[in-house]
Amino acid sequence: MPVEKIAKIIVLFFAITQSQSEAELIVKHLMREGLIQKALVAPSTAFMNTNNKISRGKEYILFTMVSEQMLVSVMEAVKAKHSDPDPCMLAIPVIANDSYASNYIPTHASASAILEYDNGDALF
């Protein structure tokens, strides 16, 4: 079977925020706009070397998966909601199995009015 039938290129997208609440605000915005279906927010320890002085701080990493077609829209939406006018955003193309990519990675925006947990409780 040709690889195109079982695999698709998707993009792992990462953005760095200064707080969990900022990361969650961005995730909610991306979901409301129909740009993503799933995201992870993880705390991290950041080290910076500025003028030979090493500093340490806490940052939050927003991880999500997007289609190649949606990458620019996702980056623009993150920048619009981010507190930093020039936020750190990274995108890495990867190969995913076709059934996962087809079911969970939006290829066009499809905003929904309300998102719900599986148990019916409103998510936002």
PDB file of N, CA and C in Angstrom:
ATOM      1  N   MET A   1       0.846  -1.175   0.000  1.00  0.00           N
ATOM      2  CA  MET A   1       0.000   0.000   0.000  1.00  0.00           C
ATOM      3  C   MET A   1       0.894   1.242   0.000  1.00  0.00           C
ATOM      4  N   PRO A   2       0.615   2.245  -0.857  1.00  0.00           N
ATOM      5  CA  PRO A   2       1.432   3.464  -0.888  1.00  0.00           C
ATOM      6  C   PRO A   2       1.340   4.234   0.425  1.00  0.00           C
ATOM      7  N   VAL A   3       2.437   4.863   0.813  1.00  0.00           N
ATOM      8  CA  VAL A   3       2.490   5.582   2.075  1.00  0.00           C
ATOM      9  C   VAL A   3       1.446   6.700   2.135  1.00  0.00           C
ATOM     10  N   GLU A   4       1.078   7.322   0.992  1.00  0.00           N
ATOM     11  CA  GLU A   4       0.079   8.395   1.006  1.00  0.00           C
ATOM     12  C   GLU A   4      -1.274   7.916   1.516  1.00  0.00           C
ATOM     13  N   LYS A   5      -1.550   6.608   1.389  1.00  0.00           N
ATOM     14  CA  LYS A   5      -2.839   6.064   1.835  1.00  0.00           C
ATOM     15  C   LYS A   5      -2.885   5.847   3.341  1.00  0.00           C
ATOM     16  N   ILE A   6      -1.730   5.746   3.977  1.00  0.00           N
ATOM     17  CA  ILE A   6      -1.718   5.464   5.412  1.00  0.00           C
ATOM     18  C   ILE A   6      -1.094   6.574   6.251  1.00  0.00           C
ATOM     19  N   ALA A   7      -0.486   7.581   5.607  1.00  0.00           N
ATOM     20  CA  ALA A   7       0.203   8.630   6.355  1.00  0.00           C
ATOM     21  C   ALA A   7      -0.081  10.001   5.757  1.00  0.00           C
ATOM     22  N   LYS A   8      -0.042  11.010   6.628  1.00  0.00           N
ATOM     23  CA  LYS A   8      -0.252  12.396   6.225  1.00  0.00           C
ATOM     24  C   LYS A   8       0.757  13.272   6.944  1.00  0.00           C
ATOM     25  N   ILE A   9       1.174  14.337   6.290  1.00  0.00           N
ATOM     26  CA  ILE A   9       2.045  15.301   6.962  1.00  0.00           C
ATOM     27  C   ILE A   9       1.174  16.255   7.768  1.00  0.00           C
ATOM     28  N   ILE A  10       1.509  16.385   9.044  1.00  0.00           N
ATOM     29  CA  ILE A  10       0.875  17.372   9.919  1.00  0.00           C
ATOM     30  C   ILE A  10       1.991  18.205  10.541  1.00  0.00           C
ATOM     31  N   VAL A  11       1.633  19.205  11.310  1.00  0.00           N
ATOM     32  CA  VAL A  11       2.629  20.091  11.909  1.00  0.00           C
ATOM     33  C   VAL A  11       2.450  20.102  13.419  1.00  0.00           C
ATOM     34  N   LEU A  12       3.538  19.799  14.140  1.00  0.00           N
ATOM     35  CA  LEU A  12       3.546  19.978  15.589  1.00  0.00           C
ATOM     36  C   LEU A  12       3.837  21.452  15.834  1.00  0.00           C
ATOM     37  N   PHE A  13       2.966  22.106  16.569  1.00  0.00           N
ATOM     38  CA  PHE A  13       3.096  23.544  16.805  1.00  0.00           C
ATOM     39  C   PHE A  13       3.310  23.787  18.289  1.00  0.00           C
ATOM     40  N   PHE A  14       4.272  24.631  18.609  1.00  0.00           N
ATOM     41  CA  PHE A  14       4.608  24.977  19.984  1.00  0.00           C
ATOM     42  C   PHE A  14       4.602  26.497  20.138  1.00  0.00           C
ATOM     43  N   ALA A  15       4.072  26.980  21.228  1.00  0.00           N
ATOM     44  CA  ALA A  15       4.160  28.399  21.572  1.00  0.00           C
ATOM     45  C   ALA A  15       4.505  28.495  23.056  1.00  0.00           C
ATOM     46  N   ILE A  16       5.318  29.468  23.396  1.00  0.00           N
ATOM     47  CA  ILE A  16       5.737  29.675  24.783  1.00  0.00           C
ATOM     48  C   ILE A  16       4.947  30.848  25.363  1.00  0.00           C
ATOM     49  N   THR A  17       4.413  30.670  26.570  1.00  0.00           N
ATOM     50  CA  THR A  17       3.712  31.751  27.258  1.00  0.00           C
ATOM     51  C   THR A  17       4.310  31.932  28.645  1.00  0.00           C
ATOM     52  N   GLN A  18       4.001  33.056  29.258  1.00  0.00           N
ATOM     53  CA  GLN A  18       4.525  33.355  30.584  1.00  0.00           C
ATOM     54  C   GLN A  18       3.658  32.812  31.714  1.00  0.00           C
ATOM     55  N   SER A  19       2.418  32.410  31.392  1.00  0.00           N
ATOM     56  CA  SER A  19       1.542  31.904  32.450  1.00  0.00           C
ATOM     57  C   SER A  19       0.612  30.826  31.886  1.00  0.00           C
ATOM     58  N   GLN A  20       0.115  30.010  32.782  1.00  0.00           N
ATOM     59  CA  GLN A  20      -0.835  28.987  32.386  1.00  0.00           C
ATOM     60  C   GLN A  20      -2.132  29.630  31.894  1.00  0.00           C
ATOM     61  N   SER A  21      -2.549  30.705  32.563  1.00  0.00           N
ATOM     62  CA  SER A  21      -3.797  31.352  32.160  1.00  0.00           C
ATOM     63  C   SER A  21      -3.687  31.927  30.743  1.00  0.00           C
ATOM     64  N   GLU A  22      -2.534  32.465  30.390  1.00  0.00           N
ATOM     65  CA  GLU A  22      -2.354  32.973  29.026  1.00  0.00           C
ATOM     66  C   GLU A  22      -2.404  31.827  28.010  1.00  0.00           C
ATOM     67  N   ALA A  23      -1.749  30.709  28.323  1.00  0.00           N
ATOM     68  CA  ALA A  23      -1.778  29.552  27.425  1.00  0.00           C
ATOM     69  C   ALA A  23      -3.211  29.048  27.253  1.00  0.00           C
ATOM     70  N   GLU A  24      -3.965  28.983  28.342  1.00  0.00           N
ATOM     71  CA  GLU A  24      -5.346  28.515  28.271  1.00  0.00           C
ATOM     72  C   GLU A  24      -6.220  29.479  27.470  1.00  0.00           C
ATOM     73  N   LEU A  25      -5.999  30.769  27.631  1.00  0.00           N
ATOM     74  CA  LEU A  25      -6.741  31.769  26.857  1.00  0.00           C
ATOM     75  C   LEU A  25      -6.494  31.560  25.355  1.00  0.00           C
ATOM     76  N   ILE A  26      -5.249  31.324  24.990  1.00  0.00           N
ATOM     77  CA  ILE A  26      -4.898  31.105  23.581  1.00  0.00           C
ATOM     78  C   ILE A  26      -5.531  29.814  23.068  1.00  0.00           C
ATOM     79  N   VAL A  27      -5.456  28.740  23.855  1.00  0.00           N
ATOM     80  CA  VAL A  27      -6.059  27.455  23.450  1.00  0.00           C
ATOM     81  C   VAL A  27      -7.561  27.627  23.212  1.00  0.00           C
ATOM     82  N   LYS A  28      -8.229  28.275  24.143  1.00  0.00           N
ATOM     83  CA  LYS A  28      -9.678  28.476  23.996  1.00  0.00           C
ATOM     84  C   LYS A  28     -10.002  29.274  22.738  1.00  0.00           C
ATOM     85  N   HIS A  29      -9.200  30.295  22.459  1.00  0.00           N
ATOM     86  CA  HIS A  29      -9.401  31.102  21.249  1.00  0.00           C
ATOM     87  C   HIS A  29      -9.224  30.237  19.995  1.00  0.00           C
ATOM     88  N   LEU A  30      -8.164  29.435  19.954  1.00  0.00           N
ATOM     89  CA  LEU A  30      -7.915  28.574  18.794  1.00  0.00           C
ATOM     90  C   LEU A  30      -9.050  27.572  18.594  1.00  0.00           C
ATOM     91  N   MET A  31      -9.578  27.025  19.692  1.00  0.00           N
ATOM     92  CA  MET A  31     -10.682  26.070  19.592  1.00  0.00           C
ATOM     93  C   MET A  31     -11.972  26.751  19.151  1.00  0.00           C
ATOM     94  N   ARG A  32     -12.256  27.907  19.714  1.00  0.00           N
ATOM     95  CA  ARG A  32     -13.474  28.636  19.319  1.00  0.00           C
ATOM     96  C   ARG A  32     -13.447  29.012  17.845  1.00  0.00           C
ATOM     97  N   GLU A  33     -12.260  29.285  17.321  1.00  0.00           N
ATOM     98  CA  GLU A  33     -12.110  29.635  15.911  1.00  0.00           C
ATOM     99  C   GLU A  33     -12.093  28.396  15.008  1.00  0.00           C
ATOM    100  N   GLY A  34     -12.122  27.208  15.617  1.00  0.00           N
ATOM    101  CA  GLY A  34     -12.111  25.972  14.847  1.00  0.00           C
ATOM    102  C   GLY A  34     -10.765  25.644  14.235  1.00  0.00           C
ATOM    103  N   LEU A  35      -9.691  26.211  14.788  1.00  0.00           N
ATOM    104  CA  LEU A  35      -8.358  26.011  14.222  1.00  0.00           C
ATOM    105  C   LEU A  35      -7.665  24.765  14.751  1.00  0.00           C
ATOM    106  N   ILE A  36      -8.030  24.339  15.962  1.00  0.00           N
ATOM    107  CA  ILE A  36      -7.449  23.128  16.553  1.00  0.00           C
ATOM    108  C   ILE A  36      -8.544  22.341  17.254  1.00  0.00           C
ATOM    109  N   GLN A  37      -8.268  21.051  17.505  1.00  0.00           N
ATOM    110  CA  GLN A  37      -9.207  20.218  18.253  1.00  0.00           C
ATOM    111  C   GLN A  37      -8.656  19.769  19.592  1.00  0.00           C
ATOM    112  N   LYS A  38      -7.329  19.798  19.737  1.00  0.00           N
ATOM    113  CA  LYS A  38      -6.714  19.316  20.973  1.00  0.00           C
ATOM    114  C   LYS A  38      -5.443  20.103  21.217  1.00  0.00           C
ATOM    115  N   ALA A  39      -5.151  20.353  22.487  1.00  0.00           N
ATOM    116  CA  ALA A  39      -3.913  21.040  22.848  1.00  0.00           C
ATOM    117  C   ALA A  39      -3.458  20.565  24.221  1.00  0.00           C
ATOM    118  N   LEU A  40      -2.192  20.682  24.464  1.00  0.00           N
ATOM    119  CA  LEU A  40      -1.613  20.391  25.765  1.00  0.00           C
ATOM    120  C   LEU A  40      -0.914  21.649  26.254  1.00  0.00           C
ATOM    121  N   VAL A  41      -1.003  21.911  27.547  1.00  0.00           N
ATOM    122  CA  VAL A  41      -0.288  23.020  28.164  1.00  0.00           C
ATOM    123  C   VAL A  41       0.562  22.421  29.276  1.00  0.00           C
ATOM    124  N   ALA A  42       1.864  22.679  29.222  1.00  0.00           N
ATOM    125  CA  ALA A  42       2.777  22.084  30.203  1.00  0.00           C
ATOM    126  C   ALA A  42       3.689  23.148  30.798  1.00  0.00           C
ATOM    127  N   PRO A  43       3.884  23.107  32.119  1.00  0.00           N
ATOM    128  CA  PRO A  43       4.847  24.023  32.725  1.00  0.00           C
ATOM    129  C   PRO A  43       6.269  23.586  32.384  1.00  0.00           C
ATOM    130  N   SER A  44       7.170  24.540  32.314  1.00  0.00           N
ATOM    131  CA  SER A  44       8.573  24.203  32.053  1.00  0.00           C
ATOM    132  C   SER A  44       9.475  25.190  32.786  1.00  0.00           C
ATOM    133  N   THR A  45      10.693  24.782  32.994  1.00  0.00           N
ATOM    134  CA  THR A  45      11.706  25.654  33.567  1.00  0.00           C
ATOM    135  C   THR A  45      12.552  26.177  32.418  1.00  0.00           C
ATOM    136  N   ALA A  46      12.624  27.485  32.302  1.00  0.00           N
ATOM    137  CA  ALA A  46      13.376  28.103  31.215  1.00  0.00           C
ATOM    138  C   ALA A  46      14.689  28.665  31.752  1.00  0.00           C
ATOM    139  N   PHE A  47      15.738  28.496  30.980  1.00  0.00           N
ATOM    140  CA  PHE A  47      17.035  29.075  31.297  1.00  0.00           C
ATOM    141  C   PHE A  47      17.403  30.036  30.169  1.00  0.00           C
ATOM    142  N   MET A  48      17.851  31.220  30.537  1.00  0.00           N
ATOM    143  CA  MET A  48      18.247  32.228  29.553  1.00  0.00           C
ATOM    144  C   MET A  48      19.662  32.690  29.864  1.00  0.00           C
ATOM    145  N   ASN A  49      20.468  32.857  28.824  1.00  0.00           N
ATOM    146  CA  ASN A  49      21.814  33.390  28.972  1.00  0.00           C
ATOM    147  C   ASN A  49      21.835  34.769  28.325  1.00  0.00           C
ATOM    148  N   THR A  50      21.833  35.807  29.146  1.00  0.00           N
ATOM    149  CA  THR A  50      21.845  37.181  28.662  1.00  0.00           C
ATOM    150  C   THR A  50      23.103  37.871  29.175  1.00  0.00           C
ATOM    151  N   ASN A  51      23.970  38.260  28.257  1.00  0.00           N
ATOM    152  CA  ASN A  51      25.235  38.912  28.630  1.00  0.00           C
ATOM    153  C   ASN A  51      26.018  38.088  29.646  1.00  0.00           C
ATOM    154  N   ASN A  52      26.114  36.800  29.394  1.00  0.00           N
ATOM    155  CA  ASN A  52      26.837  35.852  30.254  1.00  0.00           C
ATOM    156  C   ASN A  52      26.262  35.738  31.662  1.00  0.00           C
ATOM    157  N   LYS A  53      25.005  36.121  31.823  1.00  0.00           N
ATOM    158  CA  LYS A  53      24.324  35.935  33.097  1.00  0.00           C
ATOM    159  C   LYS A  53      23.176  34.958  32.856  1.00  0.00           C
ATOM    160  N   ILE A  54      23.207  33.844  33.568  1.00  0.00           N
ATOM    161  CA  ILE A  54      22.187  32.812  33.394  1.00  0.00           C
ATOM    162  C   ILE A  54      21.050  33.060  34.381  1.00  0.00           C
ATOM    163  N   SER A  55      19.850  33.141  33.823  1.00  0.00           N
ATOM    164  CA  SER A  55      18.672  33.308  34.676  1.00  0.00           C
ATOM    165  C   SER A  55      17.741  32.118  34.468  1.00  0.00           C
ATOM    166  N   ARG A  56      16.884  31.917  35.436  1.00  0.00           N
ATOM    167  CA  ARG A  56      15.970  30.781  35.430  1.00  0.00           C
ATOM    168  C   ARG A  56      14.574  31.302  35.712  1.00  0.00           C
ATOM    169  N   GLY A  57      13.588  30.746  34.992  1.00  0.00           N
ATOM    170  CA  GLY A  57      12.218  31.177  35.219  1.00  0.00           C
ATOM    171  C   GLY A  57      11.239  30.101  34.796  1.00  0.00           C
ATOM    172  N   LYS A  58       9.979  30.355  35.053  1.00  0.00           N
ATOM    173  CA  LYS A  58       8.935  29.410  34.700  1.00  0.00           C
ATOM    174  C   LYS A  58       8.212  29.914  33.455  1.00  0.00           C
ATOM    175  N   GLU A  59       7.990  29.033  32.494  1.00  0.00           N
ATOM    176  CA  GLU A  59       7.224  29.329  31.292  1.00  0.00           C
ATOM    177  C   GLU A  59       6.265  28.173  31.051  1.00  0.00           C
ATOM    178  N   TYR A  60       5.349  28.381  30.144  1.00  0.00           N
ATOM    179  CA  TYR A  60       4.376  27.345  29.794  1.00  0.00           C
ATOM    180  C   TYR A  60       4.450  27.087  28.302  1.00  0.00           C
ATOM    181  N   ILE A  61       4.422  25.811  27.946  1.00  0.00           N
ATOM    182  CA  ILE A  61       4.495  25.430  26.541  1.00  0.00           C
ATOM    183  C   ILE A  61       3.120  24.960  26.096  1.00  0.00           C
ATOM    184  N   LEU A  62       2.637  25.569  25.049  1.00  0.00           N
ATOM    185  CA  LEU A  62       1.383  25.162  24.421  1.00  0.00           C
ATOM    186  C   LEU A  62       1.767  24.266  23.238  1.00  0.00           C
ATOM    187  N   PHE A  63       1.315  23.023  23.262  1.00  0.00           N
ATOM    188  CA  PHE A  63       1.570  22.069  22.178  1.00  0.00           C
ATOM    189  C   PHE A  63       0.253  21.781  21.470  1.00  0.00           C
ATOM    190  N   THR A  64       0.263  21.747  20.170  1.00  0.00           N
ATOM    191  CA  THR A  64      -0.904  21.300  19.422  1.00  0.00           C
ATOM    192  C   THR A  64      -0.454  20.747  18.075  1.00  0.00           C
ATOM    193  N   MET A  65      -1.382  20.171  17.351  1.00  0.00           N
ATOM    194  CA  MET A  65      -1.109  19.644  16.016  1.00  0.00           C
ATOM    195  C   MET A  65      -2.035  20.342  15.043  1.00  0.00           C
ATOM    196  N   VAL A  66      -1.473  20.784  13.921  1.00  0.00           N
ATOM    197  CA  VAL A  66      -2.270  21.483  12.917  1.00  0.00           C
ATOM    198  C   VAL A  66      -1.945  20.938  11.533  1.00  0.00           C
ATOM    199  N   SER A  67      -2.844  21.191  10.601  1.00  0.00           N
ATOM    200  CA  SER A  67      -2.561  20.826   9.213  1.00  0.00           C
ATOM    201  C   SER A  67      -1.657  21.901   8.611  1.00  0.00           C
ATOM    202  N   GLU A  68      -0.979  21.535   7.542  1.00  0.00           N
ATOM    203  CA  GLU A  68      -0.144  22.518   6.855  1.00  0.00           C
ATOM    204  C   GLU A  68      -0.981  23.711   6.399  1.00  0.00           C
ATOM    205  N   GLN A  69      -2.210  23.441   5.967  1.00  0.00           N
ATOM    206  CA  GLN A  69      -3.093  24.498   5.471  1.00  0.00           C
ATOM    207  C   GLN A  69      -3.465  25.495   6.570  1.00  0.00           C
ATOM    208  N   MET A  70      -3.529  25.048   7.818  1.00  0.00           N
ATOM    209  CA  MET A  70      -3.992  25.897   8.921  1.00  0.00           C
ATOM    210  C   MET A  70      -2.853  26.588   9.678  1.00  0.00           C
ATOM    211  N   LEU A  71      -1.607  26.271   9.376  1.00  0.00           N
ATOM    212  CA  LEU A  71      -0.483  26.772  10.175  1.00  0.00           C
ATOM    213  C   LEU A  71      -0.438  28.292  10.244  1.00  0.00           C
ATOM    214  N   VAL A  72      -0.544  28.979   9.133  1.00  0.00           N
ATOM    215  CA  VAL A  72      -0.459  30.441   9.144  1.00  0.00           C
ATOM    216  C   VAL A  72      -1.604  31.036   9.965  1.00  0.00           C
ATOM    217  N   SER A  73      -2.814  30.498   9.814  1.00  0.00           N
ATOM    218  CA  SER A  73      -3.958  30.992  10.588  1.00  0.00           C
ATOM    219  C   SER A  73      -3.746  30.788  12.082  1.00  0.00           C
ATOM    220  N   VAL A  74      -3.196  29.638  12.465  1.00  0.00           N
ATOM    221  CA  VAL A  74      -2.927  29.360  13.878  1.00  0.00           C
ATOM    222  C   VAL A  74      -1.886  30.339  14.412  1.00  0.00           C
ATOM    223  N   MET A  75      -0.818  30.567  13.658  1.00  0.00           N
ATOM    224  CA  MET A  75       0.232  31.483  14.106  1.00  0.00           C
ATOM    225  C   MET A  75      -0.310  32.907  14.252  1.00  0.00           C
ATOM    226  N   GLU A  76      -1.135  33.339  13.324  1.00  0.00           N
ATOM    227  CA  GLU A  76      -1.734  34.675  13.412  1.00  0.00           C
ATOM    228  C   GLU A  76      -2.658  34.791  14.624  1.00  0.00           C
ATOM    229  N   ALA A  77      -3.434  33.737  14.888  1.00  0.00           N
ATOM    230  CA  ALA A  77      -4.353  33.748  16.031  1.00  0.00           C
ATOM    231  C   ALA A  77      -3.591  33.755  17.351  1.00  0.00           C
ATOM    232  N   VAL A  78      -2.504  32.995  17.440  1.00  0.00           N
ATOM    233  CA  VAL A  78      -1.689  32.992  18.660  1.00  0.00           C
ATOM    234  C   VAL A  78      -1.098  34.382  18.883  1.00  0.00           C
ATOM    235  N   LYS A  79      -0.540  34.954  17.837  1.00  0.00           N
ATOM    236  CA  LYS A  79       0.075  36.281  17.964  1.00  0.00           C
ATOM    237  C   LYS A  79      -0.950  37.333  18.397  1.00  0.00           C
ATOM    238  N   ALA A  80      -2.181  37.211  17.913  1.00  0.00           N
ATOM    239  CA  ALA A  80      -3.232  38.178  18.266  1.00  0.00           C
ATOM    240  C   ALA A  80      -3.597  38.129  19.743  1.00  0.00           C
ATOM    241  N   LYS A  81      -3.490  36.962  20.377  1.00  0.00           N
ATOM    242  CA  LYS A  81      -3.881  36.808  21.785  1.00  0.00           C
ATOM    243  C   LYS A  81      -2.700  36.802  22.756  1.00  0.00           C
ATOM    244  N   HIS A  82      -1.478  36.713  22.251  1.00  0.00           N
ATOM    245  CA  HIS A  82      -0.292  36.584  23.090  1.00  0.00           C
ATOM    246  C   HIS A  82       0.104  37.935  23.689  1.00  0.00           C
ATOM    247  N   SER A  83       0.632  37.921  24.923  1.00  0.00           N
ATOM    248  CA  SER A  83       1.049  39.155  25.582  1.00  0.00           C
ATOM    249  C   SER A  83       2.339  39.730  24.986  1.00  0.00           C
ATOM    250  N   ASP A  84       3.138  38.904  24.358  1.00  0.00           N
ATOM    251  CA  ASP A  84       4.395  39.342  23.743  1.00  0.00           C
ATOM    252  C   ASP A  84       4.122  39.689  22.277  1.00  0.00           C
ATOM    253  N   PRO A  85       4.518  40.855  21.804  1.00  0.00           N
ATOM    254  CA  PRO A  85       4.258  41.204  20.404  1.00  0.00           C
ATOM    255  C   PRO A  85       5.021  40.325  19.412  1.00  0.00           C
ATOM    256  N   ASP A  86       6.063  39.646  19.884  1.00  0.00           N
ATOM    257  CA  ASP A  86       6.840  38.747  19.035  1.00  0.00           C
ATOM    258  C   ASP A  86       7.041  37.417  19.770  1.00  0.00           C
ATOM    259  N   PRO A  87       5.958  36.627  19.923  1.00  0.00           N
ATOM    260  CA  PRO A  87       6.053  35.399  20.734  1.00  0.00           C
ATOM    261  C   PRO A  87       6.910  34.319  20.081  1.00  0.00           C
ATOM    262  N   CYS A  88       7.461  33.459  20.917  1.00  0.00           N
ATOM    263  CA  CYS A  88       8.205  32.304  20.441  1.00  0.00           C
ATOM    264  C   CYS A  88       7.200  31.257  19.956  1.00  0.00           C
ATOM    265  N   MET A  89       7.255  30.948  18.661  1.00  0.00           N
ATOM    266  CA  MET A  89       6.398  29.926  18.068  1.00  0.00           C
ATOM    267  C   MET A  89       7.268  29.051  17.180  1.00  0.00           C
ATOM    268  N   LEU A  90       7.089  27.749  17.281  1.00  0.00           N
ATOM    269  CA  LEU A  90       7.844  26.795  16.476  1.00  0.00           C
ATOM    270  C   LEU A  90       6.885  25.828  15.807  1.00  0.00           C
ATOM    271  N   ALA A  91       7.223  25.421  14.590  1.00  0.00           N
ATOM    272  CA  ALA A  91       6.397  24.452  13.860  1.00  0.00           C
ATOM    273  C   ALA A  91       7.314  23.417  13.233  1.00  0.00           C
ATOM    274  N   ILE A  92       6.987  22.153  13.469  1.00  0.00           N
ATOM    275  CA  ILE A  92       7.813  21.051  12.969  1.00  0.00           C
ATOM    276  C   ILE A  92       6.926  20.088  12.186  1.00  0.00           C
ATOM    277  N   PRO A  93       7.193  19.904  10.888  1.00  0.00           N
ATOM    278  CA  PRO A  93       6.391  18.945  10.125  1.00  0.00           C
ATOM    279  C   PRO A  93       6.728  17.507  10.530  1.00  0.00           C
ATOM    280  N   VAL A  94       5.701  16.695  10.681  1.00  0.00           N
ATOM    281  CA  VAL A  94       5.869  15.281  11.032  1.00  0.00           C
ATOM    282  C   VAL A  94       4.867  14.457  10.227  1.00  0.00           C
ATOM    283  N   ILE A  95       5.042  13.161  10.268  1.00  0.00           N
ATOM    284  CA  ILE A  95       4.116  12.258   9.584  1.00  0.00           C
ATOM    285  C   ILE A  95       3.228  11.599  10.625  1.00  0.00           C
ATOM    286  N   ALA A  96       1.922  11.620  10.373  1.00  0.00           N
ATOM    287  CA  ALA A  96       0.942  10.980  11.266  1.00  0.00           C
ATOM    288  C   ALA A  96       0.160   9.956  10.463  1.00  0.00           C
ATOM    289  N   ASN A  97      -0.395   8.962  11.158  1.00  0.00           N
ATOM    290  CA  ASN A  97      -1.236   8.012  10.449  1.00  0.00           C
ATOM    291  C   ASN A  97      -2.462   8.742   9.899  1.00  0.00           C
ATOM    292  N   ASP A  98      -2.870   8.372   8.709  1.00  0.00           N
ATOM    293  CA  ASP A  98      -3.930   9.074   7.989  1.00  0.00           C
ATOM    294  C   ASP A  98      -5.236   9.136   8.768  1.00  0.00           C
ATOM    295  N   SER A  99      -5.622   8.037   9.415  1.00  0.00           N
ATOM    296  CA  SER A  99      -6.912   8.043  10.109  1.00  0.00           C
ATOM    297  C   SER A  99      -6.910   9.048  11.260  1.00  0.00           C
ATOM    298  N   TYR A 100      -5.813   9.162  12.005  1.00  0.00           N
ATOM    299  CA  TYR A 100      -5.743  10.147  13.085  1.00  0.00           C
ATOM    300  C   TYR A 100      -5.788  11.561  12.517  1.00  0.00           C
ATOM    301  N   ALA A 101      -4.946  11.819  11.528  1.00  0.00           N
ATOM    302  CA  ALA A 101      -4.885  13.156  10.940  1.00  0.00           C
ATOM    303  C   ALA A 101      -6.227  13.552  10.340  1.00  0.00           C
ATOM    304  N   SER A 102      -6.875  12.641   9.672  1.00  0.00           N
ATOM    305  CA  SER A 102      -8.159  12.952   9.029  1.00  0.00           C
ATOM    306  C   SER A 102      -9.256  13.234  10.044  1.00  0.00           C
ATOM    307  N   ASN A 103      -9.212  12.580  11.190  1.00  0.00           N
ATOM    308  CA  ASN A 103     -10.254  12.736  12.201  1.00  0.00           C
ATOM    309  C   ASN A 103     -10.004  13.858  13.205  1.00  0.00           C
ATOM    310  N   TYR A 104      -8.739  14.206  13.457  1.00  0.00           N
ATOM    311  CA  TYR A 104      -8.448  15.122  14.563  1.00  0.00           C
ATOM    312  C   TYR A 104      -7.681  16.390  14.201  1.00  0.00           C
ATOM    313  N   ILE A 105      -7.281  16.531  12.954  1.00  0.00           N
ATOM    314  CA  ILE A 105      -6.518  17.712  12.564  1.00  0.00           C
ATOM    315  C   ILE A 105      -7.342  18.507  11.560  1.00  0.00           C
ATOM    316  N   PRO A 106      -7.919  19.649  11.972  1.00  0.00           N
ATOM    317  CA  PRO A 106      -8.732  20.434  11.039  1.00  0.00           C
ATOM    318  C   PRO A 106      -7.917  20.926   9.845  1.00  0.00           C
ATOM    319  N   THR A 107      -8.516  20.883   8.674  1.00  0.00           N
ATOM    320  CA  THR A 107      -7.872  21.403   7.467  1.00  0.00           C
ATOM    321  C   THR A 107      -8.501  22.718   7.035  1.00  0.00           C
ATOM    322  N   HIS A 108      -9.573  23.115   7.709  1.00  0.00           N
ATOM    323  CA  HIS A 108     -10.206  24.416   7.472  1.00  0.00           C
ATOM    324  C   HIS A 108     -10.905  24.831   8.763  1.00  0.00           C
ATOM    325  N   ALA A 109     -11.072  26.126   8.942  1.00  0.00           N
ATOM    326  CA  ALA A 109     -11.702  26.626  10.169  1.00  0.00           C
ATOM    327  C   ALA A 109     -13.178  26.260  10.189  1.00  0.00           C
ATOM    328  N   SER A 110     -13.630  25.780  11.330  1.00  0.00           N
ATOM    329  CA  SER A 110     -15.044  25.435  11.503  1.00  0.00           C
ATOM    330  C   SER A 110     -15.437  25.755  12.934  1.00  0.00           C
ATOM    331  N   ALA A 111     -15.587  27.035  13.206  1.00  0.00           N
ATOM    332  CA  ALA A 111     -15.857  27.489  14.571  1.00  0.00           C
ATOM    333  C   ALA A 111     -17.148  26.887  15.105  1.00  0.00           C
ATOM    334  N   SER A 112     -17.107  26.492  16.360  1.00  0.00           N
ATOM    335  CA  SER A 112     -18.304  25.965  17.012  1.00  0.00           C
ATOM    336  C   SER A 112     -18.713  26.918  18.129  1.00  0.00           C
ATOM    337  N   ALA A 113     -19.999  27.034  18.354  1.00  0.00           N
ATOM    338  CA  ALA A 113     -20.512  27.991  19.336  1.00  0.00           C
ATOM    339  C   ALA A 113     -20.137  27.604  20.752  1.00  0.00           C
ATOM    340  N   ILE A 114     -20.162  26.318  21.077  1.00  0.00           N
ATOM    341  CA  ILE A 114     -19.829  25.877  22.435  1.00  0.00           C
ATOM    342  C   ILE A 114     -19.172  24.507  22.349  1.00  0.00           C
ATOM    343  N   LEU A 115     -18.204  24.287  23.177  1.00  0.00           N
ATOM    344  CA  LEU A 115     -17.518  23.003  23.242  1.00  0.00           C
ATOM    345  C   LEU A 115     -17.964  22.306  24.520  1.00  0.00           C
ATOM    346  N   GLU A 116     -18.077  21.003  24.479  1.00  0.00           N
ATOM    347  CA  GLU A 116     -18.538  20.267  25.652  1.00  0.00           C
ATOM    348  C   GLU A 116     -17.596  19.121  25.979  1.00  0.00           C
ATOM    349  N   TYR A 117     -17.523  18.813  27.265  1.00  0.00           N
ATOM    350  CA  TYR A 117     -16.843  17.599  27.690  1.00  0.00           C
ATOM    351  C   TYR A 117     -17.709  16.411  27.280  1.00  0.00           C
ATOM    352  N   ASP A 118     -17.125  15.233  27.289  1.00  0.00           N
ATOM    353  CA  ASP A 118     -17.898  14.027  26.962  1.00  0.00           C
ATOM    354  C   ASP A 118     -19.089  13.850  27.885  1.00  0.00           C
ATOM    355  N   ASN A 119     -19.003  14.334  29.110  1.00  0.00           N
ATOM    356  CA  ASN A 119     -20.118  14.159  30.048  1.00  0.00           C
ATOM    357  C   ASN A 119     -21.184  15.235  29.886  1.00  0.00           C
ATOM    358  N   GLY A 120     -21.025  16.142  28.887  1.00  0.00           N
ATOM    359  CA  GLY A 120     -22.046  17.146  28.611  1.00  0.00           C
ATOM    360  C   GLY A 120     -21.823  18.486  29.287  1.00  0.00           C
ATOM    361  N   ASP A 121     -20.835  18.598  30.180  1.00  0.00           N
ATOM    362  CA  ASP A 121     -20.569  19.874  30.830  1.00  0.00           C
ATOM    363  C   ASP A 121     -19.912  20.833  29.835  1.00  0.00           C
ATOM    364  N   ALA A 122     -20.295  22.079  29.901  1.00  0.00           N
ATOM    365  CA  ALA A 122     -19.689  23.082  29.017  1.00  0.00           C
ATOM    366  C   ALA A 122     -18.217  23.204  29.353  1.00  0.00           C
ATOM    367  N   LEU A 123     -17.386  23.250  28.319  1.00  0.00           N
ATOM    368  CA  LEU A 123     -15.947  23.375  28.512  1.00  0.00           C
ATOM    369  C   LEU A 123     -15.558  24.829  28.711  1.00  0.00           C
ATOM    370  N   PHE A 124     -16.185  25.753  27.988  1.00  0.00           N
ATOM    371  CA  PHE A 124     -15.822  27.183  28.101  1.00  0.00           C
ATOM    372  C   PHE A 124     -17.066  27.998  28.314  1.00  0.00           C
TER     373      PHE A 124
END
